[in-house]
Amino acid sequence: MVKVKLNSKAVRQVLARKNKSQNWLAKRLEISSGFMAQLLAGERCPSPNVRERIQAAFNDLRFEDLFTIKA
C-alpha cells in the first residue's frame, strides 16, 4: 500500500516564514491540533481531502514539496 506523508520540514519552514503556528494551520484546515501534530510527526497520513486542503493553504508549494510517497 502506498502512503503519502506530510513533509514536516517544508511545512514548518513555511509556517516559520509566515510567522504562523501549527495550531493556526490546524484551524485553517479544520482538523484538530492533535491530528496536525500527528501529521507533522509522521505518525499519520493525510487523507486525500486533507491533502487538498494543505495544498490550498500552501498554494505556493508543489505537491512534491509538501508530501513524500512511501511504498
PDB file of N, CA and C in Angstrom:
ATOM      1  N   MET A   1       0.834  -1.180   0.000  1.00  0.00           N
ATOM      2  CA  MET A   1       0.000   0.000   0.000  1.00  0.00           C
ATOM      3  C   MET A   1       0.881   1.246   0.000  1.00  0.00           C
ATOM      4  N   VAL A   2       0.525   2.200  -0.817  1.00  0.00           N
ATOM      5  CA  VAL A   2       1.266   3.453  -0.907  1.00  0.00           C
ATOM      6  C   VAL A   2       0.752   4.415   0.156  1.00  0.00           C
ATOM      7  N   LYS A   3       1.683   5.030   0.876  1.00  0.00           N
ATOM      8  CA  LYS A   3       1.331   6.006   1.905  1.00  0.00           C
ATOM      9  C   LYS A   3       1.901   7.365   1.518  1.00  0.00           C
ATOM     10  N   VAL A   4       1.104   8.386   1.716  1.00  0.00           N
ATOM     11  CA  VAL A   4       1.548   9.757   1.456  1.00  0.00           C
ATOM     12  C   VAL A   4       1.737  10.431   2.811  1.00  0.00           C
ATOM     13  N   LYS A   5       2.953  10.854   3.072  1.00  0.00           N
ATOM     14  CA  LYS A   5       3.286  11.500   4.346  1.00  0.00           C
ATOM     15  C   LYS A   5       3.519  12.987   4.117  1.00  0.00           C
ATOM     16  N   LEU A   6       3.231  13.761   5.127  1.00  0.00           N
ATOM     17  CA  LEU A   6       3.466  15.195   5.084  1.00  0.00           C
ATOM     18  C   LEU A   6       4.949  15.462   5.266  1.00  0.00           C
ATOM     19  N   ASN A   7       5.502  16.348   4.464  1.00  0.00           N
ATOM     20  CA  ASN A   7       6.896  16.766   4.598  1.00  0.00           C
ATOM     21  C   ASN A   7       6.931  17.834   5.690  1.00  0.00           C
ATOM     22  N   SER A   8       7.124  17.394   6.923  1.00  0.00           N
ATOM     23  CA  SER A   8       7.018  18.311   8.052  1.00  0.00           C
ATOM     24  C   SER A   8       8.079  19.407   8.022  1.00  0.00           C
ATOM     25  N   LYS A   9       9.252  19.099   7.514  1.00  0.00           N
ATOM     26  CA  LYS A   9      10.309  20.114   7.441  1.00  0.00           C
ATOM     27  C   LYS A   9       9.867  21.287   6.565  1.00  0.00           C
ATOM     28  N   ALA A  10       9.313  20.989   5.395  1.00  0.00           N
ATOM     29  CA  ALA A  10       8.859  22.036   4.489  1.00  0.00           C
ATOM     30  C   ALA A  10       7.713  22.835   5.095  1.00  0.00           C
ATOM     31  N   VAL A  11       6.770  22.134   5.726  1.00  0.00           N
ATOM     32  CA  VAL A  11       5.620  22.817   6.324  1.00  0.00           C
ATOM     33  C   VAL A  11       6.076  23.716   7.460  1.00  0.00           C
ATOM     34  N   ARG A  12       6.964  23.221   8.308  1.00  0.00           N
ATOM     35  CA  ARG A  12       7.459  24.026   9.427  1.00  0.00           C
ATOM     36  C   ARG A  12       8.227  25.255   8.925  1.00  0.00           C
ATOM     37  N   GLN A  13       8.988  25.106   7.844  1.00  0.00           N
ATOM     38  CA  GLN A  13       9.720  26.241   7.287  1.00  0.00           C
ATOM     39  C   GLN A  13       8.762  27.319   6.794  1.00  0.00           C
ATOM     40  N   VAL A  14       7.716  26.907   6.107  1.00  0.00           N
ATOM     41  CA  VAL A  14       6.746  27.869   5.599  1.00  0.00           C
ATOM     42  C   VAL A  14       6.002  28.534   6.747  1.00  0.00           C
ATOM     43  N   LEU A  15       5.610  27.754   7.738  1.00  0.00           N
ATOM     44  CA  LEU A  15       4.934  28.337   8.898  1.00  0.00           C
ATOM     45  C   LEU A  15       5.826  29.360   9.596  1.00  0.00           C
ATOM     46  N   ALA A  16       7.097  29.048   9.752  1.00  0.00           N
ATOM     47  CA  ALA A  16       8.031  29.978  10.385  1.00  0.00           C
ATOM     48  C   ALA A  16       8.182  31.245   9.549  1.00  0.00           C
ATOM     49  N   ARG A  17       8.290  31.068   8.237  1.00  0.00           N
ATOM     50  CA  ARG A  17       8.440  32.218   7.343  1.00  0.00           C
ATOM     51  C   ARG A  17       7.212  33.129   7.405  1.00  0.00           C
ATOM     52  N   LYS A  18       6.035  32.525   7.551  1.00  0.00           N
ATOM     53  CA  LYS A  18       4.790  33.299   7.616  1.00  0.00           C
ATOM     54  C   LYS A  18       4.437  33.702   9.042  1.00  0.00           C
ATOM     55  N   ASN A  19       5.290  33.310  10.006  1.00  0.00           N
ATOM     56  CA  ASN A  19       5.062  33.598  11.419  1.00  0.00           C
ATOM     57  C   ASN A  19       3.716  33.052  11.897  1.00  0.00           C
ATOM     58  N   LYS A  20       3.434  31.802  11.525  1.00  0.00           N
ATOM     59  CA  LYS A  20       2.192  31.122  11.904  1.00  0.00           C
ATOM     60  C   LYS A  20       2.531  29.852  12.679  1.00  0.00           C
ATOM     61  N   SER A  21       1.591  29.396  13.471  1.00  0.00           N
ATOM     62  CA  SER A  21       1.796  28.196  14.278  1.00  0.00           C
ATOM     63  C   SER A  21       1.115  26.986  13.642  1.00  0.00           C
ATOM     64  N   GLN A  22       1.460  25.799  14.149  1.00  0.00           N
ATOM     65  CA  GLN A  22       0.790  24.598  13.656  1.00  0.00           C
ATOM     66  C   GLN A  22      -0.671  24.598  14.101  1.00  0.00           C
ATOM     67  N   ASN A  23      -0.981  25.227  15.220  1.00  0.00           N
ATOM     68  CA  ASN A  23      -2.380  25.339  15.644  1.00  0.00           C
ATOM     69  C   ASN A  23      -3.164  26.228  14.686  1.00  0.00           C
ATOM     70  N   TRP A  24      -2.549  27.287  14.194  1.00  0.00           N
ATOM     71  CA  TRP A  24      -3.185  28.138  13.193  1.00  0.00           C
ATOM     72  C   TRP A  24      -3.507  27.309  11.951  1.00  0.00           C
ATOM     73  N   LEU A  25      -2.545  26.495  11.523  1.00  0.00           N
ATOM     74  CA  LEU A  25      -2.746  25.663  10.342  1.00  0.00           C
ATOM     75  C   LEU A  25      -3.855  24.652  10.581  1.00  0.00           C
ATOM     76  N   ALA A  26      -3.875  24.032  11.745  1.00  0.00           N
ATOM     77  CA  ALA A  26      -4.924  23.056  12.062  1.00  0.00           C
ATOM     78  C   ALA A  26      -6.302  23.709  11.963  1.00  0.00           C
ATOM     79  N   LYS A  27      -6.442  24.901  12.509  1.00  0.00           N
ATOM     80  CA  LYS A  27      -7.731  25.601  12.429  1.00  0.00           C
ATOM     81  C   LYS A  27      -8.091  25.902  10.980  1.00  0.00           C
ATOM     82  N   ARG A  28      -7.110  26.344  10.218  1.00  0.00           N
ATOM     83  CA  ARG A  28      -7.357  26.663   8.805  1.00  0.00           C
ATOM     84  C   ARG A  28      -7.773  25.424   8.011  1.00  0.00           C
ATOM     85  N   LEU A  29      -7.199  24.278   8.360  1.00  0.00           N
ATOM     86  CA  LEU A  29      -7.513  23.030   7.666  1.00  0.00           C
ATOM     87  C   LEU A  29      -8.760  22.354   8.224  1.00  0.00           C
ATOM     88  N   GLU A  30      -9.273  22.890   9.320  1.00  0.00           N
ATOM     89  CA  GLU A  30     -10.437  22.328  10.004  1.00  0.00           C
ATOM     90  C   GLU A  30     -10.183  20.907  10.493  1.00  0.00           C
ATOM     91  N   ILE A  31      -9.007  20.733  11.115  1.00  0.00           N
ATOM     92  CA  ILE A  31      -8.650  19.475  11.754  1.00  0.00           C
ATOM     93  C   ILE A  31      -8.213  19.793  13.180  1.00  0.00           C
ATOM     94  N   SER A  32      -8.138  18.787  14.025  1.00  0.00           N
ATOM     95  CA  SER A  32      -7.725  19.031  15.410  1.00  0.00           C
ATOM     96  C   SER A  32      -6.220  19.302  15.474  1.00  0.00           C
ATOM     97  N   SER A  33      -5.830  20.003  16.517  1.00  0.00           N
ATOM     98  CA  SER A  33      -4.401  20.284  16.695  1.00  0.00           C
ATOM     99  C   SER A  33      -3.633  18.992  16.967  1.00  0.00           C
ATOM    100  N   GLY A  34      -4.290  18.016  17.607  1.00  0.00           N
ATOM    101  CA  GLY A  34      -3.656  16.722  17.849  1.00  0.00           C
ATOM    102  C   GLY A  34      -3.377  15.969  16.560  1.00  0.00           C
ATOM    103  N   PHE A  35      -4.352  15.985  15.646  1.00  0.00           N
ATOM    104  CA  PHE A  35      -4.156  15.326  14.354  1.00  0.00           C
ATOM    105  C   PHE A  35      -3.067  16.044  13.556  1.00  0.00           C
ATOM    106  N   MET A  36      -3.029  17.385  13.644  1.00  0.00           N
ATOM    107  CA  MET A  36      -1.984  18.143  12.955  1.00  0.00           C
ATOM    108  C   MET A  36      -0.618  17.745  13.498  1.00  0.00           C
ATOM    109  N   ALA A  37      -0.512  17.599  14.809  1.00  0.00           N
ATOM    110  CA  ALA A  37       0.753  17.187  15.420  1.00  0.00           C
ATOM    111  C   ALA A  37       1.167  15.799  14.936  1.00  0.00           C
ATOM    112  N   GLN A  38       0.196  14.889  14.822  1.00  0.00           N
ATOM    113  CA  GLN A  38       0.486  13.543  14.328  1.00  0.00           C
ATOM    114  C   GLN A  38       0.945  13.566  12.873  1.00  0.00           C
ATOM    115  N   LEU A  39       0.337  14.425  12.064  1.00  0.00           N
ATOM    116  CA  LEU A  39       0.768  14.551  10.664  1.00  0.00           C
ATOM    117  C   LEU A  39       2.201  15.051  10.586  1.00  0.00           C
ATOM    118  N   LEU A  40       2.512  16.068  11.390  1.00  0.00           N
ATOM    119  CA  LEU A  40       3.856  16.650  11.366  1.00  0.00           C
ATOM    120  C   LEU A  40       4.901  15.689  11.929  1.00  0.00           C
ATOM    121  N   ALA A  41       4.489  14.822  12.836  1.00  0.00           N
ATOM    122  CA  ALA A  41       5.412  13.835  13.404  1.00  0.00           C
ATOM    123  C   ALA A  41       5.573  12.613  12.501  1.00  0.00           C
ATOM    124  N   GLY A  42       4.758  12.518  11.453  1.00  0.00           N
ATOM    125  CA  GLY A  42       4.828  11.371  10.553  1.00  0.00           C
ATOM    126  C   GLY A  42       4.117  10.150  11.084  1.00  0.00           C
ATOM    127  N   GLU A  43       3.311  10.332  12.130  1.00  0.00           N
ATOM    128  CA  GLU A  43       2.590   9.211  12.727  1.00  0.00           C
ATOM    129  C   GLU A  43       1.317   8.863  11.971  1.00  0.00           C
ATOM    130  N   ARG A  44       0.768   9.814  11.237  1.00  0.00           N
ATOM    131  CA  ARG A  44      -0.473   9.609  10.484  1.00  0.00           C
ATOM    132  C   ARG A  44      -0.274  10.113   9.059  1.00  0.00           C
ATOM    133  N   CYS A  45      -1.092   9.603   8.164  1.00  0.00           N
ATOM    134  CA  CYS A  45      -1.076  10.032   6.765  1.00  0.00           C
ATOM    135  C   CYS A  45      -2.320  10.876   6.494  1.00  0.00           C
ATOM    136  N   PRO A  46      -2.159  11.981   5.788  1.00  0.00           N
ATOM    137  CA  PRO A  46      -3.335  12.796   5.482  1.00  0.00           C
ATOM    138  C   PRO A  46      -4.196  12.130   4.412  1.00  0.00           C
ATOM    139  N   SER A  47      -5.491  12.231   4.586  1.00  0.00           N
ATOM    140  CA  SER A  47      -6.430  11.711   3.582  1.00  0.00           C
ATOM    141  C   SER A  47      -6.333  12.581   2.329  1.00  0.00           C
ATOM    142  N   PRO A  48      -6.859  12.098   1.212  1.00  0.00           N
ATOM    143  CA  PRO A  48      -6.863  12.934   0.002  1.00  0.00           C
ATOM    144  C   PRO A  48      -7.526  14.295   0.237  1.00  0.00           C
ATOM    145  N   ASN A  49      -8.596  14.310   1.021  1.00  0.00           N
ATOM    146  CA  ASN A  49      -9.284  15.569   1.311  1.00  0.00           C
ATOM    147  C   ASN A  49      -8.383  16.518   2.098  1.00  0.00           C
ATOM    148  N   VAL A  50      -7.700  16.013   3.099  1.00  0.00           N
ATOM    149  CA  VAL A  50      -6.798  16.843   3.900  1.00  0.00           C
ATOM    150  C   VAL A  50      -5.605  17.289   3.057  1.00  0.00           C
ATOM    151  N   ARG A  51      -5.114  16.418   2.188  1.00  0.00           N
ATOM    152  CA  ARG A  51      -4.012  16.813   1.295  1.00  0.00           C
ATOM    153  C   ARG A  51      -4.430  17.985   0.410  1.00  0.00           C
ATOM    154  N   GLU A  52      -5.645  17.948  -0.104  1.00  0.00           N
ATOM    155  CA  GLU A  52      -6.141  19.051  -0.930  1.00  0.00           C
ATOM    156  C   GLU A  52      -6.177  20.347  -0.132  1.00  0.00           C
ATOM    157  N   ARG A  53      -6.635  20.268   1.109  1.00  0.00           N
ATOM    158  CA  ARG A  53      -6.712  21.471   1.944  1.00  0.00           C
ATOM    159  C   ARG A  53      -5.316  22.001   2.280  1.00  0.00           C
ATOM    160  N   ILE A  54      -4.362  21.096   2.505  1.00  0.00           N
ATOM    161  CA  ILE A  54      -2.988  21.520   2.774  1.00  0.00           C
ATOM    162  C   ILE A  54      -2.412  22.211   1.545  1.00  0.00           C
ATOM    163  N   GLN A  55      -2.638  21.640   0.371  1.00  0.00           N
ATOM    164  CA  GLN A  55      -2.148  22.266  -0.853  1.00  0.00           C
ATOM    165  C   GLN A  55      -2.775  23.630  -1.067  1.00  0.00           C
ATOM    166  N   ALA A  56      -4.037  23.781  -0.748  1.00  0.00           N
ATOM    167  CA  ALA A  56      -4.703  25.073  -0.882  1.00  0.00           C
ATOM    168  C   ALA A  56      -4.115  26.096   0.092  1.00  0.00           C
ATOM    169  N   ALA A  57      -3.774  25.642   1.305  1.00  0.00           N
ATOM    170  CA  ALA A  57      -3.197  26.539   2.308  1.00  0.00           C
ATOM    171  C   ALA A  57      -1.789  26.981   1.915  1.00  0.00           C
ATOM    172  N   PHE A  58      -1.061  26.100   1.226  1.00  0.00           N
ATOM    173  CA  PHE A  58       0.306  26.390   0.787  1.00  0.00           C
ATOM    174  C   PHE A  58       0.356  26.382  -0.733  1.00  0.00           C
ATOM    175  N   ASN A  59      -0.436  27.228  -1.350  1.00  0.00           N
ATOM    176  CA  ASN A  59      -0.558  27.211  -2.813  1.00  0.00           C
ATOM    177  C   ASN A  59       0.725  27.612  -3.533  1.00  0.00           C
ATOM    178  N   ASP A  60       1.716  28.117  -2.800  1.00  0.00           N
ATOM    179  CA  ASP A  60       2.993  28.466  -3.417  1.00  0.00           C
ATOM    180  C   ASP A  60       3.951  27.279  -3.487  1.00  0.00           C
ATOM    181  N   LEU A  61       3.555  26.131  -2.908  1.00  0.00           N
ATOM    182  CA  LEU A  61       4.385  24.929  -2.939  1.00  0.00           C
ATOM    183  C   LEU A  61       3.741  23.839  -3.789  1.00  0.00           C
ATOM    184  N   ARG A  62       4.577  23.033  -4.400  1.00  0.00           N
ATOM    185  CA  ARG A  62       4.094  21.917  -5.205  1.00  0.00           C
ATOM    186  C   ARG A  62       3.794  20.714  -4.322  1.00  0.00           C
ATOM    187  N   PHE A  63       3.051  19.765  -4.856  1.00  0.00           N
ATOM    188  CA  PHE A  63       2.740  18.521  -4.143  1.00  0.00           C
ATOM    189  C   PHE A  63       4.025  17.863  -3.667  1.00  0.00           C
ATOM    190  N   GLU A  64       5.031  17.811  -4.529  1.00  0.00           N
ATOM    191  CA  GLU A  64       6.306  17.162  -4.217  1.00  0.00           C
ATOM    192  C   GLU A  64       7.035  17.847  -3.073  1.00  0.00           C
ATOM    193  N   ASP A  65       6.778  19.152  -2.874  1.00  0.00           N
ATOM    194  CA  ASP A  65       7.398  19.882  -1.776  1.00  0.00           C
ATOM    195  C   ASP A  65       6.717  19.580  -0.449  1.00  0.00           C
ATOM    196  N   LEU A  66       5.419  19.325  -0.493  1.00  0.00           N
ATOM    197  CA  LEU A  66       4.626  19.150   0.715  1.00  0.00           C
ATOM    198  C   LEU A  66       4.524  17.711   1.201  1.00  0.00           C
ATOM    199  N   PHE A  67       4.656  16.759   0.282  1.00  0.00           N
ATOM    200  CA  PHE A  67       4.404  15.364   0.638  1.00  0.00           C
ATOM    201  C   PHE A  67       5.512  14.449   0.115  1.00  0.00           C
ATOM    202  N   THR A  68       5.674  13.318   0.824  1.00  0.00           N
ATOM    203  CA  THR A  68       6.555  12.263   0.351  1.00  0.00           C
ATOM    204  C   THR A  68       5.705  11.011   0.203  1.00  0.00           C
ATOM    205  N   ILE A  69       6.051  10.194  -0.767  1.00  0.00           N
ATOM    206  CA  ILE A  69       5.295   8.969  -1.026  1.00  0.00           C
ATOM    207  C   ILE A  69       6.135   7.793  -0.586  1.00  0.00           C
ATOM    208  N   LYS A  70       5.552   6.976   0.295  1.00  0.00           N
ATOM    209  CA  LYS A  70       6.213   5.784   0.821  1.00  0.00           C
ATOM    210  C   LYS A  70       5.513   4.545   0.299  1.00  0.00           C
ATOM    211  N   ALA A  71       6.291   3.620  -0.232  1.00  0.00           N
ATOM    212  CA  ALA A  71       5.706   2.387  -0.752  1.00  0.00           C
ATOM    213  C   ALA A  71       5.487   1.374   0.342  1.00  0.00           C
TER     214      ALA A  71
END
